[in-house]
Every structure is written in structure tokens, then in C-alpha cells.
Amino acid sequence: MANTKVQTAAYPSAARIADSDCYPQYTASLKCLEQFNSDKSKCQEHFDVYKECKKKEREARLERNRSRSLFS
């Protein structure tokens, strides 16, 4: 019998990309690269959308952290 151990991220920010709200934008970027044989210039719009999503995700995480007290 195999000993399976489920690892969970210590912090939400360390979670898998699949758990991110930006996962659809991430996969769209990868699909674009596949479609255009890794020609990044043809996928810039996808990259920009993903980058903006990650920026908003980061800002939301920072805001949540700001509202938490270290001493409560």
C-alpha cells in the first residue's frame, strides 16, 4: 500500500497556477504559443491580458494582507 501524502501550500500565494483566477488567461497564452509555433510576437495580447490579471490578483492579495493584523 503506497503512502500518499497530500501537500498543501503554506500560503495561498504559493498555490498551483491551476488554482489561480488567472488560469484561463495562462492557458490561452500557452495555446496561442502552440498555435503560432512559439512566435511570441503573435501572442502579445494574450500575454498582456495575463499580466494584467496577475497584477490585479497580486493587488488583491496585498490588500487582504494589509487588513490583517499581525497581533490579532
PDB file of N, CA and C in Angstrom:
ATOM      1  N   MET A   1       0.848  -1.188   0.000  1.00  0.00           N
ATOM      2  CA  MET A   1       0.000   0.000   0.000  1.00  0.00           C
ATOM      3  C   MET A   1       0.889   1.244   0.000  1.00  0.00           C
ATOM      4  N   ALA A   2       0.677   2.112  -0.938  1.00  0.00           N
ATOM      5  CA  ALA A   2       1.514   3.306  -1.073  1.00  0.00           C
ATOM      6  C   ALA A   2       1.109   4.358  -0.056  1.00  0.00           C
ATOM      7  N   ASN A   3       2.097   5.017   0.470  1.00  0.00           N
ATOM      8  CA  ASN A   3       1.857   6.095   1.421  1.00  0.00           C
ATOM      9  C   ASN A   3       1.740   7.394   0.626  1.00  0.00           C
ATOM     10  N   THR A   4       0.519   7.894   0.469  1.00  0.00           N
ATOM     11  CA  THR A   4       0.312   9.128  -0.284  1.00  0.00           C
ATOM     12  C   THR A   4       0.138  10.269   0.689  1.00  0.00           C
ATOM     13  N   LYS A   5       0.899  11.288   0.454  1.00  0.00           N
ATOM     14  CA  LYS A   5       0.868  12.458   1.321  1.00  0.00           C
ATOM     15  C   LYS A   5       0.452  13.659   0.482  1.00  0.00           C
ATOM     16  N   VAL A   6      -0.607  14.308   0.874  1.00  0.00           N
ATOM     17  CA  VAL A   6      -1.091  15.464   0.136  1.00  0.00           C
ATOM     18  C   VAL A   6      -0.412  16.699   0.711  1.00  0.00           C
ATOM     19  N   GLN A   7       0.265  17.435  -0.158  1.00  0.00           N
ATOM     20  CA  GLN A   7       0.912  18.652   0.283  1.00  0.00           C
ATOM     21  C   GLN A   7       0.021  19.837  -0.047  1.00  0.00           C
ATOM     22  N   THR A   8      -0.104  20.731   0.896  1.00  0.00           N
ATOM     23  CA  THR A   8      -0.863  21.949   0.652  1.00  0.00           C
ATOM     24  C   THR A   8       0.078  23.130   0.786  1.00  0.00           C
ATOM     25  N   ALA A   9      -0.201  24.167   0.057  1.00  0.00           N
ATOM     26  CA  ALA A   9       0.636  25.354   0.100  1.00  0.00           C
ATOM     27  C   ALA A   9       0.522  26.024   1.455  1.00  0.00           C
ATOM     28  N   ALA A  10       1.639  26.478   1.968  1.00  0.00           N
ATOM     29  CA  ALA A  10       1.638  27.159   3.254  1.00  0.00           C
ATOM     30  C   ALA A  10       0.906  28.493   3.165  1.00  0.00           C
ATOM     31  N   TYR A  11       0.996  29.114   2.012  1.00  0.00           N
ATOM     32  CA  TYR A  11       0.355  30.405   1.793  1.00  0.00           C
ATOM     33  C   TYR A  11      -0.438  30.339   0.503  1.00  0.00           C
ATOM     34  N   PRO A  12      -1.581  31.001   0.435  1.00  0.00           N
ATOM     35  CA  PRO A  12      -2.372  30.972  -0.792  1.00  0.00           C
ATOM     36  C   PRO A  12      -1.584  31.432  -2.013  1.00  0.00           C
ATOM     37  N   SER A  13      -0.657  32.360  -1.832  1.00  0.00           N
ATOM     38  CA  SER A  13       0.113  32.866  -2.962  1.00  0.00           C
ATOM     39  C   SER A  13       1.049  31.809  -3.541  1.00  0.00           C
ATOM     40  N   ALA A  14       1.300  30.755  -2.775  1.00  0.00           N
ATOM     41  CA  ALA A  14       2.189  29.695  -3.230  1.00  0.00           C
ATOM     42  C   ALA A  14       1.416  28.554  -3.886  1.00  0.00           C
ATOM     43  N   ALA A  15       0.140  28.747  -4.095  1.00  0.00           N
ATOM     44  CA  ALA A  15      -0.709  27.703  -4.671  1.00  0.00           C
ATOM     45  C   ALA A  15      -0.353  27.452  -6.137  1.00  0.00           C
ATOM     46  N   ARG A  16      -0.852  26.355  -6.649  1.00  0.00           N
ATOM     47  CA  ARG A  16      -0.617  26.000  -8.057  1.00  0.00           C
ATOM     48  C   ARG A  16      -1.279  27.010  -8.991  1.00  0.00           C
ATOM     49  N   ILE A  17      -0.701  27.149 -10.184  1.00  0.00           N
ATOM     50  CA  ILE A  17      -1.265  28.071 -11.175  1.00  0.00           C
ATOM     51  C   ILE A  17      -2.707  27.697 -11.506  1.00  0.00           C
ATOM     52  N   ALA A  18      -3.025  26.408 -11.455  1.00  0.00           N
ATOM     53  CA  ALA A  18      -4.387  25.972 -11.768  1.00  0.00           C
ATOM     54  C   ALA A  18      -5.400  26.498 -10.751  1.00  0.00           C
ATOM     55  N   ASP A  19      -4.925  26.898  -9.580  1.00  0.00           N
ATOM     56  CA  ASP A  19      -5.817  27.443  -8.555  1.00  0.00           C
ATOM     57  C   ASP A  19      -6.005  28.955  -8.700  1.00  0.00           C
ATOM     58  N   SER A  20      -5.278  29.547  -9.597  1.00  0.00           N
ATOM     59  CA  SER A  20      -5.321  30.996  -9.789  1.00  0.00           C
ATOM     60  C   SER A  20      -6.559  31.411 -10.584  1.00  0.00           C
ATOM     61  N   ASP A  21      -7.056  32.612 -10.283  1.00  0.00           N
ATOM     62  CA  ASP A  21      -8.152  33.177 -11.081  1.00  0.00           C
ATOM     63  C   ASP A  21      -7.681  33.496 -12.501  1.00  0.00           C
ATOM     64  N   CYS A  22      -6.370  33.536 -12.691  1.00  0.00           N
ATOM     65  CA  CYS A  22      -5.796  33.873 -13.995  1.00  0.00           C
ATOM     66  C   CYS A  22      -5.476  32.640 -14.835  1.00  0.00           C
ATOM     67  N   TYR A  23      -5.883  31.482 -14.383  1.00  0.00           N
ATOM     68  CA  TYR A  23      -5.576  30.257 -15.111  1.00  0.00           C
ATOM     69  C   TYR A  23      -6.110  30.266 -16.551  1.00  0.00           C
ATOM     70  N   PRO A  24      -7.328  30.764 -16.801  1.00  0.00           N
ATOM     71  CA  PRO A  24      -7.807  30.799 -18.200  1.00  0.00           C
ATOM     72  C   PRO A  24      -6.911  31.663 -19.101  1.00  0.00           C
ATOM     73  N   GLN A  25      -6.427  32.780 -18.582  1.00  0.00           N
ATOM     74  CA  GLN A  25      -5.538  33.639 -19.361  1.00  0.00           C
ATOM     75  C   GLN A  25      -4.187  32.959 -19.587  1.00  0.00           C
ATOM     76  N   TYR A  26      -3.732  32.243 -18.580  1.00  0.00           N
ATOM     77  CA  TYR A  26      -2.475  31.493 -18.677  1.00  0.00           C
ATOM     78  C   TYR A  26      -2.573  30.430 -19.776  1.00  0.00           C
ATOM     79  N   THR A  27      -3.650  29.646 -19.745  1.00  0.00           N
ATOM     80  CA  THR A  27      -3.794  28.582 -20.746  1.00  0.00           C
ATOM     81  C   THR A  27      -3.999  29.164 -22.148  1.00  0.00           C
ATOM     82  N   ALA A  28      -4.689  30.306 -22.241  1.00  0.00           N
ATOM     83  CA  ALA A  28      -4.871  30.948 -23.547  1.00  0.00           C
ATOM     84  C   ALA A  28      -3.521  31.374 -24.125  1.00  0.00           C
ATOM     85  N   SER A  29      -2.632  31.852 -23.276  1.00  0.00           N
ATOM     86  CA  SER A  29      -1.295  32.236 -23.729  1.00  0.00           C
ATOM     87  C   SER A  29      -0.533  31.026 -24.263  1.00  0.00           C
ATOM     88  N   LEU A  30      -0.610  29.926 -23.536  1.00  0.00           N
ATOM     89  CA  LEU A  30       0.083  28.714 -23.962  1.00  0.00           C
ATOM     90  C   LEU A  30      -0.491  28.164 -25.269  1.00  0.00           C
ATOM     91  N   LYS A  31      -1.812  28.191 -25.389  1.00  0.00           N
ATOM     92  CA  LYS A  31      -2.443  27.708 -26.619  1.00  0.00           C
ATOM     93  C   LYS A  31      -2.048  28.570 -27.811  1.00  0.00           C
ATOM     94  N   CYS A  32      -1.949  29.869 -27.578  1.00  0.00           N
ATOM     95  CA  CYS A  32      -1.531  30.776 -28.641  1.00  0.00           C
ATOM     96  C   CYS A  32      -0.114  30.435 -29.089  1.00  0.00           C
ATOM     97  N   LEU A  33       0.775  30.206 -28.139  1.00  0.00           N
ATOM     98  CA  LEU A  33       2.152  29.842 -28.482  1.00  0.00           C
ATOM     99  C   LEU A  33       2.196  28.541 -29.278  1.00  0.00           C
ATOM    100  N   GLU A  34       1.362  27.589 -28.878  1.00  0.00           N
ATOM    101  CA  GLU A  34       1.284  26.323 -29.626  1.00  0.00           C
ATOM    102  C   GLU A  34       0.804  26.564 -31.049  1.00  0.00           C
ATOM    103  N   GLN A  35      -0.241  27.366 -31.156  1.00  0.00           N
ATOM    104  CA  GLN A  35      -0.857  27.622 -32.459  1.00  0.00           C
ATOM    105  C   GLN A  35       0.109  28.318 -33.423  1.00  0.00           C
ATOM    106  N   PHE A  36       0.916  29.229 -32.882  1.00  0.00           N
ATOM    107  CA  PHE A  36       1.811  30.016 -33.728  1.00  0.00           C
ATOM    108  C   PHE A  36       3.273  29.581 -33.610  1.00  0.00           C
ATOM    109  N   ASN A  37       3.481  28.305 -33.274  1.00  0.00           N
ATOM    110  CA  ASN A  37       4.833  27.733 -33.213  1.00  0.00           C
ATOM    111  C   ASN A  37       5.802  28.586 -32.401  1.00  0.00           C
ATOM    112  N   SER A  38       5.365  28.976 -31.216  1.00  0.00           N
ATOM    113  CA  SER A  38       6.174  29.739 -30.252  1.00  0.00           C
ATOM    114  C   SER A  38       6.570  31.132 -30.728  1.00  0.00           C
ATOM    115  N   ASP A  39       5.833  31.688 -31.688  1.00  0.00           N
ATOM    116  CA  ASP A  39       6.078  33.055 -32.145  1.00  0.00           C
ATOM    117  C   ASP A  39       5.423  34.016 -31.152  1.00  0.00           C
ATOM    118  N   LYS A  40       6.224  34.492 -30.216  1.00  0.00           N
ATOM    119  CA  LYS A  40       5.706  35.334 -29.129  1.00  0.00           C
ATOM    120  C   LYS A  40       5.071  36.619 -29.626  1.00  0.00           C
ATOM    121  N   SER A  41       5.546  37.139 -30.734  1.00  0.00           N
ATOM    122  CA  SER A  41       5.013  38.401 -31.243  1.00  0.00           C
ATOM    123  C   SER A  41       3.530  38.295 -31.605  1.00  0.00           C
ATOM    124  N   LYS A  42       3.075  37.095 -31.954  1.00  0.00           N
ATOM    125  CA  LYS A  42       1.674  36.914 -32.330  1.00  0.00           C
ATOM    126  C   LYS A  42       0.772  36.692 -31.119  1.00  0.00           C
ATOM    127  N   CYS A  43       1.366  36.563 -29.942  1.00  0.00           N
ATOM    128  CA  CYS A  43       0.584  36.263 -28.739  1.00  0.00           C
ATOM    129  C   CYS A  43       0.664  37.379 -27.696  1.00  0.00           C
ATOM    130  N   GLN A  44       1.202  38.514 -28.083  1.00  0.00           N
ATOM    131  CA  GLN A  44       1.426  39.588 -27.115  1.00  0.00           C
ATOM    132  C   GLN A  44       0.142  40.010 -26.405  1.00  0.00           C
ATOM    133  N   GLU A  45      -0.961  40.041 -27.123  1.00  0.00           N
ATOM    134  CA  GLU A  45      -2.230  40.434 -26.499  1.00  0.00           C
ATOM    135  C   GLU A  45      -2.601  39.471 -25.370  1.00  0.00           C
ATOM    136  N   HIS A  46      -2.394  38.179 -25.594  1.00  0.00           N
ATOM    137  CA  HIS A  46      -2.664  37.181 -24.555  1.00  0.00           C
ATOM    138  C   HIS A  46      -1.758  37.397 -23.344  1.00  0.00           C
ATOM    139  N   PHE A  47      -0.486  37.692 -23.609  1.00  0.00           N
ATOM    140  CA  PHE A  47       0.458  37.933 -22.519  1.00  0.00           C
ATOM    141  C   PHE A  47       0.049  39.150 -21.700  1.00  0.00           C
ATOM    142  N   ASP A  48      -0.376  40.203 -22.389  1.00  0.00           N
ATOM    143  CA  ASP A  48      -0.776  41.437 -21.702  1.00  0.00           C
ATOM    144  C   ASP A  48      -1.994  41.212 -20.819  1.00  0.00           C
ATOM    145  N   VAL A  49      -2.964  40.445 -21.320  1.00  0.00           N
ATOM    146  CA  VAL A  49      -4.174  40.151 -20.538  1.00  0.00           C
ATOM    147  C   VAL A  49      -3.813  39.339 -19.292  1.00  0.00           C
ATOM    148  N   TYR A  50      -2.937  38.352 -19.467  1.00  0.00           N
ATOM    149  CA  TYR A  50      -2.497  37.531 -18.330  1.00  0.00           C
ATOM    150  C   TYR A  50      -1.726  38.377 -17.317  1.00  0.00           C
ATOM    151  N   LYS A  51      -0.836  39.226 -17.803  1.00  0.00           N
ATOM    152  CA  LYS A  51      -0.045  40.083 -16.916  1.00  0.00           C
ATOM    153  C   LYS A  51      -0.951  41.010 -16.101  1.00  0.00           C
ATOM    154  N   GLU A  52      -1.954  41.572 -16.744  1.00  0.00           N
ATOM    155  CA  GLU A  52      -2.893  42.463 -16.047  1.00  0.00           C
ATOM    156  C   GLU A  52      -3.692  41.689 -14.995  1.00  0.00           C
ATOM    157  N   CYS A  53      -4.093  40.483 -15.329  1.00  0.00           N
ATOM    158  CA  CYS A  53      -4.822  39.646 -14.373  1.00  0.00           C
ATOM    159  C   CYS A  53      -3.954  39.355 -13.155  1.00  0.00           C
ATOM    160  N   LYS A  54      -2.698  38.969 -13.379  1.00  0.00           N
ATOM    161  CA  LYS A  54      -1.792  38.669 -12.269  1.00  0.00           C
ATOM    162  C   LYS A  54      -1.552  39.911 -11.410  1.00  0.00           C
ATOM    163  N   LYS A  55      -1.494  41.065 -12.045  1.00  0.00           N
ATOM    164  CA  LYS A  55      -1.298  42.317 -11.313  1.00  0.00           C
ATOM    165  C   LYS A  55      -2.488  42.571 -10.378  1.00  0.00           C
ATOM    166  N   LYS A  56      -3.697  42.381 -10.898  1.00  0.00           N
ATOM    167  CA  LYS A  56      -4.902  42.575 -10.076  1.00  0.00           C
ATOM    168  C   LYS A  56      -4.960  41.541  -8.962  1.00  0.00           C
ATOM    169  N   GLU A  57      -4.584  40.315  -9.267  1.00  0.00           N
ATOM    170  CA  GLU A  57      -4.570  39.258  -8.260  1.00  0.00           C
ATOM    171  C   GLU A  57      -3.588  39.597  -7.137  1.00  0.00           C
ATOM    172  N   ARG A  58      -2.417  40.087  -7.513  1.00  0.00           N
ATOM    173  CA  ARG A  58      -1.402  40.474  -6.528  1.00  0.00           C
ATOM    174  C   ARG A  58      -1.889  41.641  -5.672  1.00  0.00           C
ATOM    175  N   GLU A  59      -2.492  42.655  -6.310  1.00  0.00           N
ATOM    176  CA  GLU A  59      -3.004  43.814  -5.571  1.00  0.00           C
ATOM    177  C   GLU A  59      -4.071  43.397  -4.565  1.00  0.00           C
ATOM    178  N   ALA A  60      -4.938  42.479  -4.967  1.00  0.00           N
ATOM    179  CA  ALA A  60      -5.983  41.992  -4.062  1.00  0.00           C
ATOM    180  C   ALA A  60      -5.367  41.249  -2.877  1.00  0.00           C
ATOM    181  N   ARG A  61      -4.334  40.445  -3.154  1.00  0.00           N
ATOM    182  CA  ARG A  61      -3.659  39.710  -2.075  1.00  0.00           C
ATOM    183  C   ARG A  61      -2.982  40.681  -1.105  1.00  0.00           C
ATOM    184  N   LEU A  62      -2.320  41.707  -1.636  1.00  0.00           N
ATOM    185  CA  LEU A  62      -1.670  42.699  -0.777  1.00  0.00           C
ATOM    186  C   LEU A  62      -2.690  43.439   0.076  1.00  0.00           C
ATOM    187  N   GLU A  63      -3.824  43.749  -0.525  1.00  0.00           N
ATOM    188  CA  GLU A  63      -4.886  44.444   0.226  1.00  0.00           C
ATOM    189  C   GLU A  63      -5.421  43.557   1.354  1.00  0.00           C
ATOM    190  N   ARG A  64      -5.623  42.277   1.069  1.00  0.00           N
ATOM    191  CA  ARG A  64      -6.074  41.344   2.125  1.00  0.00           C
ATOM    192  C   ARG A  64      -5.050  41.282   3.246  1.00  0.00           C
ATOM    193  N   ASN A  65      -3.780  41.234   2.883  1.00  0.00           N
ATOM    194  CA  ASN A  65      -2.720  41.149   3.891  1.00  0.00           C
ATOM    195  C   ASN A  65      -2.622  42.425   4.712  1.00  0.00           C
ATOM    196  N   ARG A  66      -2.859  43.575   4.078  1.00  0.00           N
ATOM    197  CA  ARG A  66      -2.827  44.848   4.797  1.00  0.00           C
ATOM    198  C   ARG A  66      -3.910  44.914   5.867  1.00  0.00           C
ATOM    199  N   SER A  67      -5.043  44.309   5.569  1.00  0.00           N
ATOM    200  CA  SER A  67      -6.165  44.382   6.501  1.00  0.00           C
ATOM    201  C   SER A  67      -6.004  43.433   7.682  1.00  0.00           C
ATOM    202  N   ARG A  68      -5.036  42.532   7.609  1.00  0.00           N
ATOM    203  CA  ARG A  68      -4.791  41.606   8.715  1.00  0.00           C
ATOM    204  C   ARG A  68      -3.783  42.197   9.686  1.00  0.00           C
ATOM    205  N   SER A  69      -4.035  41.980  10.926  1.00  0.00           N
ATOM    206  CA  SER A  69      -3.095  42.434  11.947  1.00  0.00           C
ATOM    207  C   SER A  69      -2.190  41.265  12.314  1.00  0.00           C
ATOM    208  N   LEU A  70      -0.939  41.541  12.510  1.00  0.00           N
ATOM    209  CA  LEU A  70      -0.004  40.510  12.922  1.00  0.00           C
ATOM    210  C   LEU A  70      -0.220  40.093  14.386  1.00  0.00           C
ATOM    211  N   PHE A  71      -0.909  40.922  15.132  1.00  0.00           N
ATOM    212  CA  PHE A  71      -1.034  40.698  16.574  1.00  0.00           C
ATOM    213  C   PHE A  71      -2.447  40.364  17.024  1.00  0.00           C
ATOM    214  N   SER A  72      -3.306  39.980  16.088  1.00  0.00           N
ATOM    215  CA  SER A  72      -4.677  39.676  16.499  1.00  0.00           C
ATOM    216  C   SER A  72      -4.917  38.212  16.610  1.00  0.00           C
TER     217      SER A  72
END
